[in-house]
Protein backbone atom coordinates (compact mmCIF):
# COMPACT_ATOMS: atom_id res chain seq x y z
CA MET A 1 0.00 0.00 0.00
CA SER A 2 1.34 3.40 -1.01
CA HIS A 3 1.77 6.24 1.47
CA THR A 4 -0.07 9.48 0.71
CA VAL A 5 1.71 12.82 0.68
CA LEU A 6 -0.06 16.17 0.79
CA VAL A 7 2.06 18.89 -0.78
CA VAL A 8 1.07 22.34 0.50
CA GLU A 9 2.97 24.81 -1.67
CA ASP A 10 1.99 27.85 -3.74
CA GLU A 11 5.03 28.00 -6.07
CA PRO A 12 4.26 25.94 -9.22
CA ASN A 13 7.90 25.04 -9.95
CA ILE A 14 8.44 23.73 -6.42
CA VAL A 15 5.17 21.78 -6.63
CA LEU A 16 6.37 20.06 -9.81
CA SER A 17 9.67 19.17 -8.18
CA LEU A 18 8.01 17.81 -5.02
CA GLN A 19 5.46 15.82 -7.03
CA PHE A 20 8.24 14.26 -9.07
CA ILE A 21 10.33 13.34 -6.00
CA MET A 22 7.43 11.82 -4.11
CA ARG A 23 6.03 9.89 -7.08
CA GLN A 24 9.49 8.50 -7.85
CA ALA A 25 9.62 7.29 -4.25
CA GLY A 26 6.29 5.51 -4.75
CA PHE A 27 4.01 7.89 -2.87
CA THR A 28 0.52 8.98 -3.90
CA VAL A 29 0.60 12.78 -4.14
CA ARG A 30 -2.12 15.36 -3.53
CA VAL A 31 -1.44 19.09 -3.93
CA VAL A 32 -3.03 22.23 -2.51
CA SER A 33 -1.80 25.81 -2.72
CA ASP A 34 -2.94 27.52 0.48
CA GLY A 35 -3.38 26.84 4.17
CA ASP A 36 -7.17 26.72 4.15
CA GLN A 37 -7.17 24.20 1.30
CA ALA A 38 -4.66 22.10 3.24
CA LEU A 39 -6.92 21.78 6.26
CA ARG A 40 -9.95 20.97 4.09
CA ALA A 41 -7.94 18.32 2.23
CA ILE A 42 -6.87 16.75 5.52
CA GLU A 43 -10.50 16.66 6.70
CA ASP A 44 -11.36 14.73 3.52
CA TYR A 45 -8.45 12.30 3.76
CA VAL A 46 -5.67 12.17 6.36
CA PRO A 47 -2.29 11.82 4.60
CA ASP A 48 0.75 10.00 5.92
CA LEU A 49 2.99 13.01 5.28
CA VAL A 50 2.51 16.74 4.76
CA LEU A 51 5.19 18.71 2.94
CA LEU A 52 4.26 22.15 4.22
CA ASP A 53 5.58 25.52 3.08
CA ILE A 54 5.60 28.23 5.74
CA MET A 55 4.74 31.20 3.55
CA LEU A 56 1.29 30.41 2.16
CA PRO A 57 -1.78 32.41 1.18
CA LYS A 58 -4.77 32.57 3.56
CA ARG A 59 -3.18 30.67 6.49
CA ASP A 60 0.55 30.25 6.98
CA GLY A 61 2.29 26.93 7.45
CA PHE A 62 2.81 27.50 11.18
CA ALA A 63 -0.97 27.78 11.71
CA VAL A 64 -1.58 24.73 9.51
CA CYS A 65 1.01 22.69 11.42
CA GLU A 66 -0.56 23.68 14.73
CA ALA A 67 -4.04 22.73 13.48
CA ILE A 68 -2.82 19.36 12.22
CA ARG A 69 -1.22 18.57 15.58
CA ALA A 70 -4.41 19.62 17.41
CA ASN A 71 -6.46 17.13 15.36
CA PRO A 72 -6.54 13.68 17.07
CA ALA A 73 -7.15 12.00 13.69
CA CYS A 74 -3.73 13.26 12.57
CA HIS A 75 -1.61 11.90 15.41
CA LYS A 76 0.45 9.72 13.03
CA VAL A 77 0.88 12.34 10.29
CA LYS A 78 4.48 13.32 9.65
CA ILE A 79 5.13 16.98 8.82
CA ILE A 80 8.11 18.40 6.99
CA MET A 81 8.12 22.19 6.96
CA LEU A 82 9.73 23.78 3.90
CA SER A 83 10.88 27.37 3.96
CA ALA A 84 13.11 29.94 2.36
CA LYS A 85 13.47 31.28 5.90
CA SER A 86 16.60 29.93 7.51
CA ARG A 87 16.55 31.70 10.86
CA ASP A 88 16.85 29.50 13.93
CA ALA A 89 13.71 31.15 15.34
CA ASP A 90 11.64 29.87 12.38
CA ARG A 91 13.11 26.38 12.66
CA ASN A 92 12.52 26.29 16.41
CA LYS A 93 8.95 27.54 16.04
CA ALA A 94 8.17 24.86 13.42
CA LEU A 95 9.56 22.10 15.62
CA GLU A 96 7.80 23.44 18.73
CA LEU A 97 4.49 23.41 16.85
CA GLY A 98 5.01 19.75 16.01
CA ALA A 99 6.86 19.57 12.70
CA ASP A 100 9.00 16.46 12.42
CA GLU A 101 11.57 18.18 10.22
CA PHE A 102 12.45 21.63 8.89
CA VAL A 103 14.06 21.87 5.45
CA THR A 104 15.41 25.13 4.09
CA LYS A 105 14.91 26.06 0.43
CA PRO A 106 16.64 25.56 -1.86
CA PHE A 107 16.96 21.88 -1.07
CA SER A 108 18.42 18.89 -2.82
CA THR A 109 15.59 16.87 -4.33
CA ARG A 110 17.55 13.67 -3.88
CA ASN A 111 18.28 14.42 -0.22
CA LEU A 112 14.65 15.31 0.46
CA GLY A 113 13.53 12.04 -1.09
CA GLU A 114 16.02 10.15 1.08
CA LEU A 115 14.83 12.02 4.18
CA VAL A 116 11.22 11.05 3.51
CA ASN A 117 12.14 7.42 2.89
CA ARG A 118 14.14 7.29 6.14
CA MET A 119 11.20 8.76 8.05
CA PHE A 120 8.91 6.00 6.83
CA LEU A 121 11.45 3.20 7.17
CA THR A 122 12.41 4.04 10.73
CA GLY A 123 9.22 5.75 11.86
CA ALA A 124 11.27 8.54 13.36
CA PRO A 125 12.54 11.92 12.19
CA ALA A 126 15.91 11.92 10.51
CA SER A 127 18.54 14.60 10.15
CA PRO A 128 17.52 17.33 7.71
CA PRO A 129 19.17 17.22 4.29
CA PRO A 130 22.02 19.65 3.72
CA ARG A 131 21.42 22.76 1.64
CA THR A 132 22.79 22.70 -1.86
């Protein structure tokens, strides 16, 4: 059975890259482009993983992460926050709100794919991929 990934990203080029990576890894991919759509999509079907941008229209990724973690139906959902922001404060906030990982853009597509595979193989967060 394939894992389901919800990509929450408003930049079309990044969406294409993330879709490609996740499909190559064997995941079923769903895509939304804003925070409100993300929460509606999760109400319809709880994914195994959310790749979540911080800077989104309507509701930012921090608020979406917090809402996911507050939802008992989502207790097993893994969250990887993606951001062009590289400040420690943003990383710390994401992790405090319940993100499993924080990956800074730009990121290596290969390393992100490996990170996701390690998360599902071990069931635990792995070290974030290095920036390239």
